[in-house]
Amino acid sequence: MQTKAVLTLSDVTQILAAARAEAHQHQWAVAIAVVDDGGHPLALERLDNCAPISAYIAVEKARTAALGRRESKVYEDMINGGRTSFLSVPVLSGTLEGGVPIIVDGQVIGAVGVSGVKAPEDAQIAKAGVAAVQA
């Protein structure tokens, strides 16, 4: 039987704090979501002045990164590269940049999704959150 790390409430708190700090540093109004390895929401924060839809999008980006075991940008690039049939894949609806998996000892244990600013900036915030528990 294999064992693997799991996200604790303390981990999730650290992730949110780091991601929030990155967003505040740049004055970016975003939503930040953290999910477990099955894509189930563990936490969601929508910062002041962030559009309500961003909360939904952030969760879906995180879910896509967790279930796909890779950054959501990979799917966006595939679709933009002409593989539009990938839009019909079930479950993965956050196929936009900004979802980043949390990998510990080679295993995905969850993901962070961010939405609200430009895609590379969303990813920057998500990666800051992930770095808080991968360091």
C-alpha atoms as a PDB file:
ATOM      1  CA  MET A   1       0.000   0.000   0.000  1.00  0.00           C
ATOM      2  CA  GLN A   2       1.280   3.461  -0.860  1.00  0.00           C
ATOM      3  CA  THR A   3       1.208   6.463   1.407  1.00  0.00           C
ATOM      4  CA  LYS A   4       1.179  10.112   0.502  1.00  0.00           C
ATOM      5  CA  ALA A   5       1.024  13.534   2.035  1.00  0.00           C
ATOM      6  CA  VAL A   6      -2.307  15.294   2.449  1.00  0.00           C
ATOM      7  CA  LEU A   7      -3.101  18.957   2.890  1.00  0.00           C
ATOM      8  CA  THR A   8      -3.935  20.026   6.427  1.00  0.00           C
ATOM      9  CA  LEU A   9      -5.871  23.087   7.520  1.00  0.00           C
ATOM     10  CA  SER A  10      -2.550  24.619   8.503  1.00  0.00           C
ATOM     11  CA  ASP A  11      -1.176  24.008   4.989  1.00  0.00           C
ATOM     12  CA  VAL A  12      -4.246  25.542   3.393  1.00  0.00           C
ATOM     13  CA  THR A  13      -3.944  28.585   5.659  1.00  0.00           C
ATOM     14  CA  GLN A  14      -0.294  29.015   4.614  1.00  0.00           C
ATOM     15  CA  ILE A  15      -1.179  28.684   0.936  1.00  0.00           C
ATOM     16  CA  LEU A  16      -3.922  31.293   1.162  1.00  0.00           C
ATOM     17  CA  ALA A  17      -1.727  33.695   3.119  1.00  0.00           C
ATOM     18  CA  ALA A  18       1.122  33.470   0.595  1.00  0.00           C
ATOM     19  CA  ALA A  19      -1.168  33.814  -2.406  1.00  0.00           C
ATOM     20  CA  ARG A  20      -3.042  36.709  -0.795  1.00  0.00           C
ATOM     21  CA  ALA A  21       0.251  38.462  -0.010  1.00  0.00           C
ATOM     22  CA  GLU A  22       1.346  38.130  -3.646  1.00  0.00           C
ATOM     23  CA  ALA A  23      -1.975  39.554  -4.839  1.00  0.00           C
ATOM     24  CA  HIS A  24      -1.903  42.421  -2.337  1.00  0.00           C
ATOM     25  CA  GLN A  25       1.697  43.273  -3.238  1.00  0.00           C
ATOM     26  CA  HIS A  26       0.548  43.979  -6.798  1.00  0.00           C
ATOM     27  CA  GLN A  27      -2.907  45.319  -5.852  1.00  0.00           C
ATOM     28  CA  TRP A  28      -4.634  42.536  -7.781  1.00  0.00           C
ATOM     29  CA  ALA A  29      -8.257  41.748  -6.936  1.00  0.00           C
ATOM     30  CA  VAL A  30      -8.551  37.981  -7.334  1.00  0.00           C
ATOM     31  CA  ALA A  31     -10.243  34.862  -6.056  1.00  0.00           C
ATOM     32  CA  ILE A  32      -7.988  32.124  -4.665  1.00  0.00           C
ATOM     33  CA  ALA A  33      -9.107  28.499  -4.368  1.00  0.00           C
ATOM     34  CA  VAL A  34      -7.379  25.498  -2.813  1.00  0.00           C
ATOM     35  CA  VAL A  35      -8.563  21.962  -3.576  1.00  0.00           C
ATOM     36  CA  ASP A  36      -7.456  18.466  -2.552  1.00  0.00           C
ATOM     37  CA  ASP A  37      -6.134  15.841  -4.972  1.00  0.00           C
ATOM     38  CA  GLY A  38      -9.682  14.916  -6.000  1.00  0.00           C
ATOM     39  CA  GLY A  39     -10.529  18.519  -6.861  1.00  0.00           C
ATOM     40  CA  HIS A  40     -12.733  18.994  -3.795  1.00  0.00           C
ATOM     41  CA  PRO A  41     -12.672  22.574  -2.440  1.00  0.00           C
ATOM     42  CA  LEU A  42     -10.786  23.105   0.807  1.00  0.00           C
ATOM     43  CA  ALA A  43     -10.809  26.920   0.826  1.00  0.00           C
ATOM     44  CA  LEU A  44     -11.855  29.910  -1.217  1.00  0.00           C
ATOM     45  CA  GLU A  45     -11.129  33.605  -0.760  1.00  0.00           C
ATOM     46  CA  ARG A  46     -12.456  36.384  -2.951  1.00  0.00           C
ATOM     47  CA  LEU A  47     -10.494  39.546  -2.317  1.00  0.00           C
ATOM     48  CA  ASP A  48     -12.176  42.941  -2.201  1.00  0.00           C
ATOM     49  CA  ASN A  49     -13.289  44.299  -5.570  1.00  0.00           C
ATOM     50  CA  CYS A  50     -12.901  40.951  -7.317  1.00  0.00           C
ATOM     51  CA  ALA A  51     -15.669  40.044  -9.768  1.00  0.00           C
ATOM     52  CA  PRO A  52     -18.001  37.340  -8.383  1.00  0.00           C
ATOM     53  CA  ILE A  53     -17.447  35.045 -11.401  1.00  0.00           C
ATOM     54  CA  SER A  54     -13.769  34.790 -10.475  1.00  0.00           C
ATOM     55  CA  ALA A  55     -14.649  32.674  -7.438  1.00  0.00           C
ATOM     56  CA  TYR A  56     -16.204  30.034  -9.670  1.00  0.00           C
ATOM     57  CA  ILE A  57     -13.384  30.183 -12.211  1.00  0.00           C
ATOM     58  CA  ALA A  58     -10.675  29.888  -9.527  1.00  0.00           C
ATOM     59  CA  VAL A  59     -12.224  26.683  -8.168  1.00  0.00           C
ATOM     60  CA  GLU A  60     -12.455  25.183 -11.653  1.00  0.00           C
ATOM     61  CA  LYS A  61      -8.844  26.084 -12.484  1.00  0.00           C
ATOM     62  CA  ALA A  62      -7.702  24.430  -9.250  1.00  0.00           C
ATOM     63  CA  ARG A  63      -9.855  21.351  -9.914  1.00  0.00           C
ATOM     64  CA  THR A  64      -8.439  21.047 -13.433  1.00  0.00           C
ATOM     65  CA  ALA A  65      -4.847  21.235 -12.139  1.00  0.00           C
ATOM     66  CA  ALA A  66      -5.510  18.657  -9.417  1.00  0.00           C
ATOM     67  CA  LEU A  67      -7.351  16.134 -11.574  1.00  0.00           C
ATOM     68  CA  GLY A  68      -5.113  16.632 -14.594  1.00  0.00           C
ATOM     69  CA  ARG A  69      -1.959  16.517 -12.475  1.00  0.00           C
ATOM     70  CA  ARG A  70      -0.510  19.486 -14.363  1.00  0.00           C
ATOM     71  CA  GLU A  71      -0.916  23.221 -14.686  1.00  0.00           C
ATOM     72  CA  SER A  72      -4.193  24.241 -16.277  1.00  0.00           C
ATOM     73  CA  LYS A  73      -2.173  26.280 -18.798  1.00  0.00           C
ATOM     74  CA  VAL A  74      -1.236  22.995 -20.521  1.00  0.00           C
ATOM     75  CA  TYR A  75      -4.874  22.546 -21.539  1.00  0.00           C
ATOM     76  CA  GLU A  76      -5.253  26.159 -22.616  1.00  0.00           C
ATOM     77  CA  ASP A  77      -2.157  25.809 -24.802  1.00  0.00           C
ATOM     78  CA  MET A  78      -3.514  22.574 -26.324  1.00  0.00           C
ATOM     79  CA  ILE A  79      -6.807  24.230 -27.219  1.00  0.00           C
ATOM     80  CA  ASN A  80      -5.138  27.403 -28.514  1.00  0.00           C
ATOM     81  CA  GLY A  81      -2.811  25.189 -30.563  1.00  0.00           C
ATOM     82  CA  GLY A  82      -5.786  23.860 -32.488  1.00  0.00           C
ATOM     83  CA  ARG A  83      -6.920  20.856 -30.491  1.00  0.00           C
ATOM     84  CA  THR A  84     -10.374  22.332 -29.937  1.00  0.00           C
ATOM     85  CA  SER A  85     -11.911  18.893 -29.463  1.00  0.00           C
ATOM     86  CA  PHE A  86     -10.335  19.005 -26.003  1.00  0.00           C
ATOM     87  CA  LEU A  87     -13.117  21.421 -25.020  1.00  0.00           C
ATOM     88  CA  SER A  88     -15.425  18.397 -24.825  1.00  0.00           C
ATOM     89  CA  VAL A  89     -13.406  16.601 -22.114  1.00  0.00           C
ATOM     90  CA  PRO A  90     -15.684  15.878 -19.143  1.00  0.00           C
ATOM     91  CA  VAL A  91     -15.082  17.378 -15.693  1.00  0.00           C
ATOM     92  CA  LEU A  92     -12.238  19.727 -16.695  1.00  0.00           C
ATOM     93  CA  SER A  93     -13.886  23.079 -17.236  1.00  0.00           C
ATOM     94  CA  GLY A  94     -11.110  25.327 -15.915  1.00  0.00           C
ATOM     95  CA  THR A  95      -8.865  25.009 -18.937  1.00  0.00           C
ATOM     96  CA  LEU A  96      -7.373  28.477 -18.524  1.00  0.00           C
ATOM     97  CA  GLU A  97      -3.988  29.440 -17.099  1.00  0.00           C
ATOM     98  CA  GLY A  98      -4.005  29.975 -13.340  1.00  0.00           C
ATOM     99  CA  GLY A  99      -4.367  26.472 -11.887  1.00  0.00           C
ATOM    100  CA  VAL A 100      -1.196  24.980 -10.370  1.00  0.00           C
ATOM    101  CA  PRO A 101      -0.847  21.520  -8.797  1.00  0.00           C
ATOM    102  CA  ILE A 102       0.741  21.023  -5.388  1.00  0.00           C
ATOM    103  CA  ILE A 103       3.299  18.238  -5.750  1.00  0.00           C
ATOM    104  CA  VAL A 104       4.959  16.544  -2.778  1.00  0.00           C
ATOM    105  CA  ASP A 105       7.350  13.628  -3.240  1.00  0.00           C
ATOM    106  CA  GLY A 106       6.244  13.306  -6.860  1.00  0.00           C
ATOM    107  CA  GLN A 107       2.548  13.041  -6.007  1.00  0.00           C
ATOM    108  CA  VAL A 108      -0.147  15.648  -6.587  1.00  0.00           C
ATOM    109  CA  ILE A 109      -1.862  16.327  -3.262  1.00  0.00           C
ATOM    110  CA  GLY A 110      -4.004  19.264  -4.355  1.00  0.00           C
ATOM    111  CA  ALA A 111      -3.924  22.469  -6.354  1.00  0.00           C
ATOM    112  CA  VAL A 112      -4.342  26.231  -6.203  1.00  0.00           C
ATOM    113  CA  GLY A 113      -6.469  28.152  -8.679  1.00  0.00           C
ATOM    114  CA  VAL A 114      -6.573  31.921  -9.102  1.00  0.00           C
ATOM    115  CA  SER A 115      -8.780  34.131 -11.237  1.00  0.00           C
ATOM    116  CA  GLY A 116      -9.298  37.855 -11.562  1.00  0.00           C
ATOM    117  CA  VAL A 117      -6.359  39.381 -13.424  1.00  0.00           C
ATOM    118  CA  LYS A 118      -4.375  38.447 -16.535  1.00  0.00           C
ATOM    119  CA  ALA A 119      -3.683  34.727 -16.892  1.00  0.00           C
ATOM    120  CA  PRO A 120       0.084  34.894 -16.217  1.00  0.00           C
ATOM    121  CA  GLU A 121      -0.614  36.996 -13.122  1.00  0.00           C
ATOM    122  CA  ASP A 122      -3.213  34.474 -11.910  1.00  0.00           C
ATOM    123  CA  ALA A 123      -0.558  31.757 -12.295  1.00  0.00           C
ATOM    124  CA  GLN A 124       2.031  33.897 -10.492  1.00  0.00           C
ATOM    125  CA  ILE A 125      -0.274  34.193  -7.484  1.00  0.00           C
ATOM    126  CA  ALA A 126      -1.103  30.474  -7.529  1.00  0.00           C
ATOM    127  CA  LYS A 127       2.582  29.558  -7.682  1.00  0.00           C
ATOM    128  CA  ALA A 128       3.294  31.813  -4.691  1.00  0.00           C
ATOM    129  CA  GLY A 129       0.671  29.871  -2.752  1.00  0.00           C
ATOM    130  CA  VAL A 130       2.068  26.507  -3.821  1.00  0.00           C
ATOM    131  CA  ALA A 131       5.605  27.594  -2.891  1.00  0.00           C
ATOM    132  CA  ALA A 132       4.456  28.175   0.690  1.00  0.00           C
ATOM    133  CA  VAL A 133       4.081  24.417   1.235  1.00  0.00           C
ATOM    134  CA  GLN A 134       6.663  23.069  -1.189  1.00  0.00           C
ATOM    135  CA  ALA A 135       9.596  24.935   0.350  1.00  0.00           C
END
